[in-house]
Amino acid sequence: MSADNLPVLRPEHPAWNKGRIIGQKRPLLPKHVWSIRVRLEMADNRRDLALFNMAIDSKLRGCDLVCLKVREVFAAGRVKERASVTQSKTGKPVRFEITETTRQSLDLWIVDPEMLGLEYPWPSRLHHSAHLSTRQYARIVRGWVTSIGLEPSAYGTHSMRRTKVAQIYKRTGNLRTVQLLLGHTKMDSTVRYLGVDLDDALTLSEGIDL
């Protein structure tokens, strides 16, 4: 066989996703939430504790969470029990609750001298930005999950968004509630987001004995 007819050998490059967990990021389990909270409290990391709790309660996308303004969650000298923001992706408002645990941590952070006169509750330490970027937030989330021994490639900022609604769906099976809380315009989006399949439907059905 002449050299011209020999097969071309190309150097092998590893697949971009080799060793990575791709697809939907996993929600945190209640035990994970508790573990991260305890670590942040022990470290007296007021900013991260308030950010973590707000991420769980608000169920906001990272881009909306980092852009929250103090006045949207804090008024008349106290943290609101409910708040509303306009989603950057859809342009539509979404409401969320702020639980007692989150209100306490947010109140401690907002009255911190470091926050005096600031417009955003999650200020960036970079001079050119008034608030955290989504990339900075993603690094913070990575630090949280790594600190309790979780595989960081399996979790991300969407894990924070999914954590509470995953528990709500698990306990109630109410997709409409989850749709409203996430601010989805279509139920199909909610079904895909939760990863609902036939097994989930059958499990819920098995719990009903007429």
N, C-alpha and C. Protein backbone atom coordinates (compact mmCIF):
# COMPACT_ATOMS: atom_id res chain seq x y z
N MET A 1 0.87 -1.19 0.00
CA MET A 1 0.00 0.00 0.00
C MET A 1 0.89 1.23 0.00
N SER A 2 0.60 2.14 -0.91
CA SER A 2 1.40 3.36 -0.98
C SER A 2 1.09 4.26 0.19
N ALA A 3 2.02 5.16 0.44
CA ALA A 3 1.85 6.09 1.56
C ALA A 3 0.62 6.96 1.36
N ASP A 4 0.26 7.22 0.09
CA ASP A 4 -0.89 8.08 -0.19
C ASP A 4 -2.20 7.44 0.24
N ASN A 5 -2.21 6.09 0.29
CA ASN A 5 -3.45 5.40 0.62
C ASN A 5 -3.57 5.02 2.09
N LEU A 6 -2.55 5.33 2.86
CA LEU A 6 -2.60 4.99 4.27
C LEU A 6 -3.61 5.88 4.99
N PRO A 7 -4.32 5.34 5.99
CA PRO A 7 -5.29 6.15 6.74
C PRO A 7 -4.58 7.26 7.51
N VAL A 8 -5.23 8.37 7.57
CA VAL A 8 -4.67 9.51 8.28
C VAL A 8 -4.86 9.31 9.77
N LEU A 9 -3.79 9.43 10.53
CA LEU A 9 -3.86 9.30 11.97
C LEU A 9 -3.95 10.69 12.59
N ARG A 10 -4.98 10.90 13.37
CA ARG A 10 -5.17 12.19 14.02
C ARG A 10 -4.94 12.02 15.52
N PRO A 11 -4.31 13.00 16.15
CA PRO A 11 -4.12 12.90 17.60
C PRO A 11 -5.45 12.88 18.32
N GLU A 12 -5.55 12.01 19.31
CA GLU A 12 -6.80 11.90 20.04
C GLU A 12 -6.92 13.02 21.07
N HIS A 13 -8.06 13.70 21.05
CA HIS A 13 -8.34 14.74 22.04
C HIS A 13 -9.44 14.23 22.96
N PRO A 14 -9.27 14.39 24.25
CA PRO A 14 -10.34 13.93 25.16
C PRO A 14 -11.62 14.70 24.92
N ALA A 15 -12.75 14.02 25.06
CA ALA A 15 -14.04 14.69 24.90
C ALA A 15 -14.16 15.82 25.92
N TRP A 16 -14.82 16.91 25.51
CA TRP A 16 -14.93 18.07 26.39
C TRP A 16 -15.61 17.74 27.71
N ASN A 17 -16.51 16.70 27.67
CA ASN A 17 -17.27 16.37 28.89
C ASN A 17 -16.73 15.13 29.61
N LYS A 18 -15.51 14.70 29.25
CA LYS A 18 -14.94 13.52 29.91
C LYS A 18 -14.73 13.81 31.39
N GLY A 19 -15.30 12.94 32.22
CA GLY A 19 -15.14 13.10 33.66
C GLY A 19 -16.09 14.10 34.27
N ARG A 20 -16.93 14.71 33.45
CA ARG A 20 -17.87 15.69 33.97
C ARG A 20 -19.27 15.10 34.04
N ILE A 21 -20.04 15.60 34.98
CA ILE A 21 -21.46 15.24 35.05
C ILE A 21 -22.24 16.33 34.37
N ILE A 22 -22.89 16.00 33.27
CA ILE A 22 -23.61 17.01 32.50
C ILE A 22 -25.11 16.78 32.63
N GLY A 23 -25.87 17.75 32.15
CA GLY A 23 -27.32 17.66 32.24
C GLY A 23 -27.82 18.50 33.40
N GLN A 24 -29.02 18.19 33.88
CA GLN A 24 -29.63 18.94 34.97
C GLN A 24 -28.75 18.89 36.22
N LYS A 25 -28.56 20.06 36.82
CA LYS A 25 -27.84 20.10 38.08
C LYS A 25 -28.76 19.63 39.20
N ARG A 26 -28.21 18.88 40.12
CA ARG A 26 -29.02 18.29 41.19
C ARG A 26 -29.44 19.36 42.20
N PRO A 27 -30.65 19.24 42.72
CA PRO A 27 -31.02 20.11 43.85
C PRO A 27 -30.32 19.63 45.11
N LEU A 28 -30.13 20.53 46.04
CA LEU A 28 -29.60 20.13 47.34
C LEU A 28 -30.68 19.42 48.14
N LEU A 29 -30.28 18.47 48.94
CA LEU A 29 -31.20 17.81 49.85
C LEU A 29 -31.25 18.59 51.16
N PRO A 30 -32.31 18.41 51.95
CA PRO A 30 -32.40 19.13 53.22
C PRO A 30 -31.15 18.98 54.09
N LYS A 31 -30.55 17.80 54.12
CA LYS A 31 -29.35 17.61 54.94
C LYS A 31 -28.18 18.43 54.40
N HIS A 32 -28.14 18.63 53.09
CA HIS A 32 -27.09 19.47 52.51
C HIS A 32 -27.30 20.94 52.89
N VAL A 33 -28.54 21.38 52.84
CA VAL A 33 -28.87 22.76 53.21
C VAL A 33 -28.45 23.02 54.65
N TRP A 34 -28.80 22.09 55.52
CA TRP A 34 -28.47 22.23 56.94
C TRP A 34 -26.96 22.28 57.14
N SER A 35 -26.23 21.40 56.46
CA SER A 35 -24.77 21.33 56.62
C SER A 35 -24.10 22.62 56.17
N ILE A 36 -24.52 23.16 55.04
CA ILE A 36 -23.91 24.40 54.54
C ILE A 36 -24.23 25.56 55.47
N ARG A 37 -25.46 25.63 55.95
CA ARG A 37 -25.84 26.70 56.89
C ARG A 37 -24.98 26.66 58.15
N VAL A 38 -24.81 25.48 58.69
CA VAL A 38 -24.02 25.34 59.92
C VAL A 38 -22.59 25.82 59.69
N ARG A 39 -22.01 25.44 58.56
CA ARG A 39 -20.63 25.85 58.27
C ARG A 39 -20.51 27.37 58.12
N LEU A 40 -21.48 27.98 57.46
CA LEU A 40 -21.44 29.43 57.27
C LEU A 40 -21.66 30.16 58.59
N GLU A 41 -22.53 29.62 59.42
CA GLU A 41 -22.77 30.22 60.73
C GLU A 41 -21.53 30.12 61.61
N MET A 42 -20.88 28.96 61.60
CA MET A 42 -19.67 28.77 62.41
C MET A 42 -18.55 29.69 61.94
N ALA A 43 -18.51 29.96 60.64
CA ALA A 43 -17.48 30.84 60.10
C ALA A 43 -17.86 32.32 60.24
N ASP A 44 -19.07 32.59 60.75
CA ASP A 44 -19.59 33.95 60.88
C ASP A 44 -19.51 34.69 59.54
N ASN A 45 -19.82 33.95 58.46
CA ASN A 45 -19.80 34.53 57.12
C ASN A 45 -21.21 35.06 56.82
N ARG A 46 -21.45 36.29 57.25
CA ARG A 46 -22.80 36.84 57.17
C ARG A 46 -23.27 37.03 55.73
N ARG A 47 -22.39 37.49 54.88
CA ARG A 47 -22.81 37.69 53.49
C ARG A 47 -23.22 36.39 52.83
N ASP A 48 -22.37 35.38 52.93
CA ASP A 48 -22.67 34.11 52.26
C ASP A 48 -23.88 33.42 52.88
N LEU A 49 -24.06 33.55 54.19
CA LEU A 49 -25.23 32.93 54.83
C LEU A 49 -26.51 33.59 54.32
N ALA A 50 -26.51 34.91 54.24
CA ALA A 50 -27.69 35.61 53.72
C ALA A 50 -27.93 35.27 52.25
N LEU A 51 -26.86 35.21 51.48
CA LEU A 51 -26.96 34.88 50.05
C LEU A 51 -27.48 33.46 49.87
N PHE A 52 -26.95 32.52 50.64
CA PHE A 52 -27.38 31.12 50.55
C PHE A 52 -28.86 30.98 50.88
N ASN A 53 -29.28 31.57 52.00
CA ASN A 53 -30.68 31.46 52.40
C ASN A 53 -31.61 32.13 51.40
N MET A 54 -31.20 33.27 50.87
CA MET A 54 -32.04 33.96 49.89
C MET A 54 -32.12 33.18 48.59
N ALA A 55 -31.04 32.54 48.20
CA ALA A 55 -31.05 31.73 46.98
C ALA A 55 -32.05 30.59 47.10
N ILE A 56 -32.10 29.95 48.27
CA ILE A 56 -33.03 28.85 48.50
C ILE A 56 -34.47 29.36 48.49
N ASP A 57 -34.75 30.42 49.23
CA ASP A 57 -36.12 30.94 49.35
C ASP A 57 -36.63 31.53 48.05
N SER A 58 -35.81 32.34 47.40
CA SER A 58 -36.29 33.11 46.24
C SER A 58 -36.51 32.24 45.01
N LYS A 59 -35.71 31.17 44.88
CA LYS A 59 -35.81 30.29 43.71
C LYS A 59 -35.52 31.07 42.41
N LEU A 60 -34.74 32.12 42.52
CA LEU A 60 -34.43 32.96 41.37
C LEU A 60 -33.26 32.39 40.57
N ARG A 61 -33.23 32.71 39.28
CA ARG A 61 -32.05 32.41 38.48
C ARG A 61 -30.88 33.23 39.03
N GLY A 62 -29.69 32.74 38.81
CA GLY A 62 -28.52 33.44 39.32
C GLY A 62 -28.43 34.88 38.86
N CYS A 63 -28.79 35.12 37.58
CA CYS A 63 -28.70 36.48 37.03
C CYS A 63 -29.65 37.44 37.74
N ASP A 64 -30.79 36.93 38.22
CA ASP A 64 -31.74 37.78 38.94
C ASP A 64 -31.37 37.92 40.41
N LEU A 65 -30.81 36.87 40.98
CA LEU A 65 -30.44 36.91 42.39
C LEU A 65 -29.34 37.93 42.65
N VAL A 66 -28.31 37.93 41.80
CA VAL A 66 -27.19 38.85 42.04
C VAL A 66 -27.58 40.30 41.81
N CYS A 67 -28.67 40.52 41.05
CA CYS A 67 -29.11 41.88 40.75
C CYS A 67 -30.18 42.40 41.70
N LEU A 68 -30.56 41.58 42.69
CA LEU A 68 -31.52 42.05 43.69
C LEU A 68 -31.03 43.36 44.30
N LYS A 69 -31.98 44.23 44.62
CA LYS A 69 -31.64 45.48 45.29
C LYS A 69 -32.13 45.44 46.73
N VAL A 70 -31.45 46.16 47.58
CA VAL A 70 -31.81 46.17 49.00
C VAL A 70 -33.26 46.59 49.18
N ARG A 71 -33.69 47.61 48.45
CA ARG A 71 -35.06 48.13 48.61
C ARG A 71 -36.12 47.11 48.20
N GLU A 72 -35.73 46.10 47.42
CA GLU A 72 -36.70 45.09 47.00
C GLU A 72 -36.99 44.07 48.10
N VAL A 73 -36.09 43.98 49.06
CA VAL A 73 -36.27 42.99 50.13
C VAL A 73 -36.28 43.62 51.52
N PHE A 74 -36.01 44.91 51.59
CA PHE A 74 -35.87 45.58 52.89
C PHE A 74 -36.60 46.92 52.84
N ALA A 75 -37.54 47.14 53.77
CA ALA A 75 -38.30 48.39 53.81
C ALA A 75 -38.75 48.68 55.23
N ALA A 76 -38.85 49.95 55.55
CA ALA A 76 -39.31 50.39 56.88
C ALA A 76 -38.50 49.76 58.00
N GLY A 77 -37.20 49.60 57.76
CA GLY A 77 -36.32 49.11 58.79
C GLY A 77 -36.37 47.62 59.05
N ARG A 78 -37.00 46.85 58.14
CA ARG A 78 -37.08 45.41 58.36
C ARG A 78 -37.13 44.67 57.03
N VAL A 79 -36.76 43.41 57.08
CA VAL A 79 -36.80 42.57 55.88
C VAL A 79 -38.24 42.17 55.60
N LYS A 80 -38.63 42.25 54.34
CA LYS A 80 -39.99 41.91 53.95
C LYS A 80 -40.25 40.41 54.10
N GLU A 81 -41.51 40.07 54.29
CA GLU A 81 -41.89 38.66 54.35
C GLU A 81 -42.12 38.09 52.95
N ARG A 82 -42.46 38.96 52.01
CA ARG A 82 -42.60 38.55 50.60
C ARG A 82 -42.03 39.65 49.72
N ALA A 83 -41.53 39.24 48.57
CA ALA A 83 -40.94 40.22 47.65
C ALA A 83 -41.30 39.83 46.22
N SER A 84 -41.10 40.77 45.32
CA SER A 84 -41.40 40.53 43.91
C SER A 84 -40.31 41.18 43.06
N VAL A 85 -39.85 40.46 42.05
CA VAL A 85 -38.86 41.01 41.13
C VAL A 85 -39.27 40.66 39.70
N THR A 86 -38.78 41.44 38.76
CA THR A 86 -39.03 41.17 37.35
C THR A 86 -37.90 40.30 36.82
N GLN A 87 -38.24 39.18 36.23
CA GLN A 87 -37.24 38.25 35.72
C GLN A 87 -36.58 38.81 34.45
N SER A 88 -35.28 38.76 34.40
CA SER A 88 -34.57 39.28 33.24
C SER A 88 -34.80 38.42 32.00
N LYS A 89 -35.04 37.13 32.17
CA LYS A 89 -35.22 36.23 31.03
C LYS A 89 -36.58 36.40 30.37
N THR A 90 -37.63 36.55 31.19
CA THR A 90 -38.99 36.61 30.66
C THR A 90 -39.60 38.01 30.69
N GLY A 91 -39.03 38.90 31.49
CA GLY A 91 -39.60 40.24 31.63
C GLY A 91 -40.87 40.25 32.46
N LYS A 92 -41.17 39.13 33.10
CA LYS A 92 -42.40 39.03 33.90
C LYS A 92 -42.05 38.95 35.39
N PRO A 93 -42.93 39.49 36.24
CA PRO A 93 -42.64 39.47 37.68
C PRO A 93 -42.85 38.09 38.27
N VAL A 94 -42.12 37.82 39.34
CA VAL A 94 -42.31 36.60 40.10
C VAL A 94 -42.20 36.96 41.57
N ARG A 95 -43.07 36.37 42.38
CA ARG A 95 -43.08 36.64 43.81
C ARG A 95 -42.46 35.48 44.58
N PHE A 96 -41.90 35.78 45.73
CA PHE A 96 -41.33 34.72 46.54
C PHE A 96 -41.42 35.11 48.01
N GLU A 97 -41.41 34.09 48.85
CA GLU A 97 -41.47 34.29 50.29
C GLU A 97 -40.06 34.44 50.86
N ILE A 98 -39.96 35.12 51.97
CA ILE A 98 -38.68 35.21 52.69
C ILE A 98 -38.96 34.67 54.09
N THR A 99 -38.49 33.48 54.36
CA THR A 99 -38.80 32.81 55.62
C THR A 99 -38.06 33.46 56.78
N GLU A 100 -38.46 33.09 57.98
CA GLU A 100 -37.88 33.68 59.18
C GLU A 100 -36.36 33.48 59.23
N THR A 101 -35.91 32.29 58.89
CA THR A 101 -34.46 32.02 58.89
C THR A 101 -33.72 32.96 57.96
N THR A 102 -34.27 33.16 56.78
CA THR A 102 -33.64 34.03 55.80
C THR A 102 -33.73 35.50 56.24
N ARG A 103 -34.86 35.88 56.81
CA ARG A 103 -35.01 37.27 57.26
C ARG A 103 -33.98 37.61 58.33
N GLN A 104 -33.75 36.69 59.24
CA GLN A 104 -32.78 36.93 60.31
C GLN A 104 -31.37 37.10 59.75
N SER A 105 -30.98 36.21 58.84
CA SER A 105 -29.62 36.29 58.28
C SER A 105 -29.46 37.52 57.40
N LEU A 106 -30.52 37.87 56.65
CA LEU A 106 -30.44 39.03 55.78
C LEU A 106 -30.40 40.33 56.58
N ASP A 107 -31.16 40.35 57.67
CA ASP A 107 -31.16 41.54 58.53
C ASP A 107 -29.78 41.76 59.14
N LEU A 108 -29.15 40.70 59.61
CA LEU A 108 -27.80 40.82 60.18
C LEU A 108 -26.80 41.33 59.15
N TRP A 109 -26.98 40.92 57.89
CA TRP A 109 -26.04 41.32 56.85
C TRP A 109 -26.29 42.76 56.40
N ILE A 110 -27.56 43.12 56.24
CA ILE A 110 -27.87 44.47 55.74
C ILE A 110 -27.45 45.55 56.73
N VAL A 111 -27.54 45.27 58.03
CA VAL A 111 -27.14 46.28 59.03
C VAL A 111 -25.63 46.25 59.30
N ASP A 112 -24.91 45.34 58.67
CA ASP A 112 -23.46 45.28 58.84
C ASP A 112 -22.84 46.58 58.31
N PRO A 113 -21.84 47.14 59.00
CA PRO A 113 -21.19 48.38 58.54
C PRO A 113 -20.68 48.30 57.10
N GLU A 114 -20.32 47.09 56.66
CA GLU A 114 -19.83 46.89 55.29
C GLU A 114 -20.91 47.21 54.25
N MET A 115 -22.18 47.15 54.66
CA MET A 115 -23.28 47.36 53.73
C MET A 115 -23.81 48.80 53.74
N LEU A 116 -23.27 49.66 54.56
CA LEU A 116 -23.78 51.02 54.72
C LEU A 116 -23.84 51.77 53.39
N GLY A 117 -25.05 52.18 53.01
CA GLY A 117 -25.26 52.99 51.82
C GLY A 117 -25.21 52.26 50.50
N LEU A 118 -25.11 50.94 50.52
CA LEU A 118 -25.01 50.18 49.27
C LEU A 118 -26.39 49.85 48.71
N GLU A 119 -26.48 49.79 47.39
CA GLU A 119 -27.76 49.55 46.70
C GLU A 119 -28.07 48.07 46.58
N TYR A 120 -27.03 47.25 46.47
CA TYR A 120 -27.21 45.82 46.26
C TYR A 120 -26.77 45.04 47.51
N PRO A 121 -27.51 44.01 47.89
CA PRO A 121 -27.12 43.24 49.07
C PRO A 121 -25.91 42.34 48.86
N TRP A 122 -25.56 42.10 47.58
CA TRP A 122 -24.41 41.23 47.30
C TRP A 122 -23.38 42.03 46.52
N PRO A 123 -22.72 42.98 47.16
CA PRO A 123 -21.76 43.82 46.45
C PRO A 123 -20.55 43.02 45.98
N SER A 124 -20.02 43.41 44.84
CA SER A 124 -18.82 42.76 44.32
C SER A 124 -17.59 43.41 44.96
N ARG A 125 -16.57 42.62 45.14
CA ARG A 125 -15.32 43.18 45.66
C ARG A 125 -14.46 43.73 44.53
N LEU A 126 -14.98 43.63 43.31
CA LEU A 126 -14.30 44.22 42.15
C LEU A 126 -14.82 45.64 41.96
N HIS A 127 -13.94 46.57 41.77
CA HIS A 127 -14.33 47.98 41.74
C HIS A 127 -15.24 48.35 40.56
N HIS A 128 -15.14 47.59 39.46
CA HIS A 128 -15.90 47.98 38.26
C HIS A 128 -17.34 47.46 38.30
N SER A 129 -17.71 46.70 39.33
CA SER A 129 -19.06 46.14 39.39
C SER A 129 -19.70 46.44 40.73
N ALA A 130 -20.98 46.84 40.69
CA ALA A 130 -21.69 47.19 41.93
C ALA A 130 -22.21 45.95 42.66
N HIS A 131 -22.33 44.84 41.95
CA HIS A 131 -22.84 43.62 42.58
C HIS A 131 -22.10 42.40 42.03
N LEU A 132 -22.29 41.27 42.68
CA LEU A 132 -21.67 40.04 42.22
C LEU A 132 -22.06 39.73 40.78
N SER A 133 -21.14 39.17 40.03
CA SER A 133 -21.47 38.67 38.70
C SER A 133 -21.98 37.24 38.84
N THR A 134 -22.62 36.75 37.80
CA THR A 134 -23.10 35.36 37.85
C THR A 134 -21.92 34.39 37.94
N ARG A 135 -20.80 34.76 37.36
CA ARG A 135 -19.61 33.90 37.44
C ARG A 135 -19.09 33.85 38.87
N GLN A 136 -19.05 35.01 39.54
CA GLN A 136 -18.63 35.03 40.94
C GLN A 136 -19.58 34.20 41.81
N TYR A 137 -20.87 34.35 41.54
CA TYR A 137 -21.87 33.58 42.29
C TYR A 137 -21.67 32.09 42.08
N ALA A 138 -21.39 31.69 40.84
CA ALA A 138 -21.17 30.27 40.55
C ALA A 138 -19.96 29.74 41.33
N ARG A 139 -18.91 30.54 41.45
CA ARG A 139 -17.74 30.12 42.22
C ARG A 139 -18.08 29.97 43.70
N ILE A 140 -18.93 30.87 44.21
CA ILE A 140 -19.34 30.79 45.60
C ILE A 140 -20.14 29.51 45.85
N VAL A 141 -21.08 29.21 44.94
CA VAL A 141 -21.87 27.97 45.06
C VAL A 141 -20.95 26.75 45.03
N ARG A 142 -19.98 26.78 44.15
CA ARG A 142 -19.03 25.67 44.06
C ARG A 142 -18.31 25.48 45.40
N GLY A 143 -17.96 26.58 46.03
CA GLY A 143 -17.30 26.50 47.34
C GLY A 143 -18.21 25.90 48.39
N TRP A 144 -19.49 26.26 48.35
CA TRP A 144 -20.45 25.72 49.31
C TRP A 144 -20.55 24.21 49.21
N VAL A 145 -20.78 23.72 47.99
CA VAL A 145 -21.01 22.28 47.83
C VAL A 145 -19.73 21.49 48.08
N THR A 146 -18.59 22.06 47.70
CA THR A 146 -17.32 21.38 47.94
C THR A 146 -17.03 21.26 49.43
N SER A 147 -17.45 22.29 50.20
CA SER A 147 -17.16 22.31 51.63
C SER A 147 -17.83 21.18 52.40
N ILE A 148 -18.89 20.61 51.84
CA ILE A 148 -19.57 19.50 52.52
C ILE A 148 -19.36 18.17 51.79
N GLY A 149 -18.37 18.15 50.91
CA GLY A 149 -17.96 16.90 50.29
C GLY A 149 -18.77 16.46 49.09
N LEU A 150 -19.55 17.36 48.49
CA LEU A 150 -20.31 17.00 47.29
C LEU A 150 -19.46 17.18 46.05
N GLU A 151 -19.80 16.45 45.00
CA GLU A 151 -19.10 16.56 43.72
C GLU A 151 -19.50 17.87 43.05
N PRO A 152 -18.60 18.83 42.91
CA PRO A 152 -18.98 20.16 42.41
C PRO A 152 -19.54 20.17 40.98
N SER A 153 -19.12 19.20 40.15
CA SER A 153 -19.62 19.19 38.77
C SER A 153 -21.09 18.79 38.70
N ALA A 154 -21.63 18.20 39.79
CA ALA A 154 -23.03 17.77 39.79
C ALA A 154 -23.97 18.87 40.26
N TYR A 155 -23.39 19.97 40.77
CA TYR A 155 -24.21 21.05 41.33
C TYR A 155 -23.80 22.38 40.74
N GLY A 156 -24.73 23.34 40.77
CA GLY A 156 -24.44 24.66 40.25
C GLY A 156 -25.46 25.66 40.76
N THR A 157 -25.49 26.83 40.14
CA THR A 157 -26.43 27.86 40.59
C THR A 157 -27.88 27.42 40.41
N HIS A 158 -28.15 26.58 39.41
CA HIS A 158 -29.52 26.10 39.23
C HIS A 158 -29.90 25.10 40.31
N SER A 159 -28.91 24.52 40.98
CA SER A 159 -29.21 23.65 42.12
C SER A 159 -29.92 24.45 43.20
N MET A 160 -29.47 25.69 43.40
CA MET A 160 -30.08 26.55 44.40
C MET A 160 -31.52 26.87 44.02
N ARG A 161 -31.74 27.13 42.75
CA ARG A 161 -33.09 27.45 42.24
C ARG A 161 -34.03 26.26 42.37
N ARG A 162 -33.50 25.06 42.22
CA ARG A 162 -34.34 23.86 42.21
C ARG A 162 -34.58 23.27 43.59
N THR A 163 -33.75 23.63 44.56
CA THR A 163 -33.76 22.93 45.85
C THR A 163 -35.12 22.95 46.53
N LYS A 164 -35.71 24.10 46.70
CA LYS A 164 -36.97 24.19 47.45
C LYS A 164 -38.14 23.64 46.65
N VAL A 165 -38.18 23.93 45.34
CA VAL A 165 -39.31 23.44 44.54
C VAL A 165 -39.27 21.92 44.40
N ALA A 166 -38.08 21.33 44.44
CA ALA A 166 -37.99 19.87 44.37
C ALA A 166 -38.65 19.25 45.60
N GLN A 167 -38.45 19.87 46.76
CA GLN A 167 -39.08 19.37 47.98
C GLN A 167 -40.59 19.61 47.97
N ILE A 168 -41.00 20.77 47.44
CA ILE A 168 -42.43 21.07 47.35
C ILE A 168 -43.13 20.05 46.46
N TYR A 169 -42.51 19.76 45.30
CA TYR A 169 -43.12 18.79 44.39
C TYR A 169 -43.13 17.40 45.02
N LYS A 170 -42.05 17.04 45.71
CA LYS A 170 -41.97 15.72 46.33
C LYS A 170 -43.07 15.53 47.37
N ARG A 171 -43.39 16.61 48.09
CA ARG A 171 -44.38 16.50 49.16
C ARG A 171 -45.82 16.66 48.68
N THR A 172 -46.01 17.42 47.60
CA THR A 172 -47.38 17.74 47.18
C THR A 172 -47.75 17.19 45.81
N GLY A 173 -46.77 17.00 44.93
CA GLY A 173 -47.07 16.58 43.57
C GLY A 173 -47.75 17.66 42.75
N ASN A 174 -47.74 18.91 43.24
CA ASN A 174 -48.47 20.00 42.61
C ASN A 174 -47.56 20.75 41.64
N LEU A 175 -47.66 20.44 40.36
CA LEU A 175 -46.82 21.08 39.35
C LEU A 175 -47.20 22.54 39.14
N ARG A 176 -48.49 22.85 39.26
CA ARG A 176 -48.93 24.22 39.06
C ARG A 176 -48.29 25.15 40.10
N THR A 177 -48.21 24.69 41.33
CA THR A 177 -47.56 25.48 42.37
C THR A 177 -46.10 25.75 42.03
N VAL A 178 -45.42 24.70 41.59
CA VAL A 178 -44.02 24.84 41.23
C VAL A 178 -43.86 25.79 40.04
N GLN A 179 -44.75 25.67 39.08
CA GLN A 179 -44.70 26.56 37.91
C GLN A 179 -44.80 28.02 38.33
N LEU A 180 -45.72 28.33 39.22
CA LEU A 180 -45.90 29.71 39.68
C LEU A 180 -44.68 30.21 40.44
N LEU A 181 -44.13 29.35 41.29
CA LEU A 181 -42.99 29.75 42.10
C LEU A 181 -41.75 30.00 41.26
N LEU A 182 -41.59 29.24 40.19
CA LEU A 182 -40.44 29.42 39.31
C LEU A 182 -40.65 30.52 38.28
N GLY A 183 -41.89 30.95 38.12
CA GLY A 183 -42.18 31.98 37.12
C GLY A 183 -42.15 31.47 35.71
N HIS A 184 -42.40 30.16 35.53
CA HIS A 184 -42.45 29.59 34.18
C HIS A 184 -43.76 29.96 33.50
N THR A 185 -43.71 30.24 32.21
CA THR A 185 -44.93 30.55 31.47
C THR A 185 -45.60 29.29 30.93
N LYS A 186 -44.84 28.21 30.77
CA LYS A 186 -45.40 26.97 30.23
C LYS A 186 -45.16 25.82 31.20
N MET A 187 -46.18 24.98 31.36
CA MET A 187 -46.06 23.83 32.23
C MET A 187 -44.99 22.86 31.75
N ASP A 188 -44.82 22.75 30.42
CA ASP A 188 -43.79 21.86 29.88
C ASP A 188 -42.41 22.21 30.42
N SER A 189 -42.17 23.51 30.58
CA SER A 189 -40.87 23.94 31.10
C SER A 189 -40.68 23.45 32.52
N THR A 190 -41.74 23.49 33.31
CA THR A 190 -41.68 23.04 34.70
C THR A 190 -41.44 21.54 34.77
N VAL A 191 -42.13 20.79 33.92
CA VAL A 191 -41.98 19.33 33.89
C VAL A 191 -40.54 18.96 33.55
N ARG A 192 -39.98 19.63 32.52
CA ARG A 192 -38.60 19.35 32.14
C ARG A 192 -37.63 19.78 33.24
N TYR A 193 -37.91 20.90 33.87
CA TYR A 193 -37.02 21.44 34.90
C TYR A 193 -36.92 20.51 36.10
N LEU A 194 -38.05 19.92 36.47
CA LEU A 194 -38.05 19.00 37.61
C LEU A 194 -37.61 17.60 37.22
N GLY A 195 -37.59 17.33 35.91
CA GLY A 195 -37.24 15.99 35.47
C GLY A 195 -38.33 14.99 35.79
N VAL A 196 -39.58 15.44 35.72
CA VAL A 196 -40.71 14.57 36.04
C VAL A 196 -40.84 13.49 34.96
N ASP A 197 -41.00 12.25 35.37
CA ASP A 197 -41.19 11.16 34.41
C ASP A 197 -42.32 10.25 34.89
N LEU A 198 -42.52 9.17 34.17
CA LEU A 198 -43.63 8.25 34.48
C LEU A 198 -43.48 7.65 35.88
N ASP A 199 -42.25 7.34 36.27
CA ASP A 199 -42.05 6.77 37.60
C ASP A 199 -42.52 7.72 38.70
N ASP A 200 -42.27 9.03 38.51
CA ASP A 200 -42.75 10.02 39.48
C ASP A 200 -44.27 10.00 39.54
N ALA A 201 -44.89 9.97 38.37
CA ALA A 201 -46.35 9.97 38.31
C ALA A 201 -46.92 8.73 39.00
N LEU A 202 -46.31 7.57 38.75
CA LEU A 202 -46.78 6.33 39.36
C LEU A 202 -46.59 6.33 40.87
N THR A 203 -45.48 6.88 41.33
CA THR A 203 -45.22 6.96 42.78
C THR A 203 -46.29 7.79 43.47
N LEU A 204 -46.64 8.93 42.85
CA LEU A 204 -47.68 9.77 43.43
C LEU A 204 -49.03 9.06 43.40
N SER A 205 -49.29 8.36 42.29
CA SER A 205 -50.55 7.67 42.16
C SER A 205 -50.69 6.54 43.17
N GLU A 206 -49.58 5.87 43.45
CA GLU A 206 -49.60 4.74 44.40
C GLU A 206 -49.94 5.20 45.82
N GLY A 207 -49.70 6.49 46.07
CA GLY A 207 -50.01 7.01 47.40
C GLY A 207 -51.47 7.34 47.60
N ILE A 208 -52.27 7.19 46.55
CA ILE A 208 -53.72 7.48 46.64
C ILE A 208 -54.49 6.17 46.56
N ASP A 209 -55.14 5.79 47.65
CA ASP A 209 -55.89 4.54 47.69
C ASP A 209 -57.37 4.88 47.88
N LEU A 210 -58.16 4.73 46.82
CA LEU A 210 -59.58 5.10 46.87
C LEU A 210 -60.44 3.92 47.34
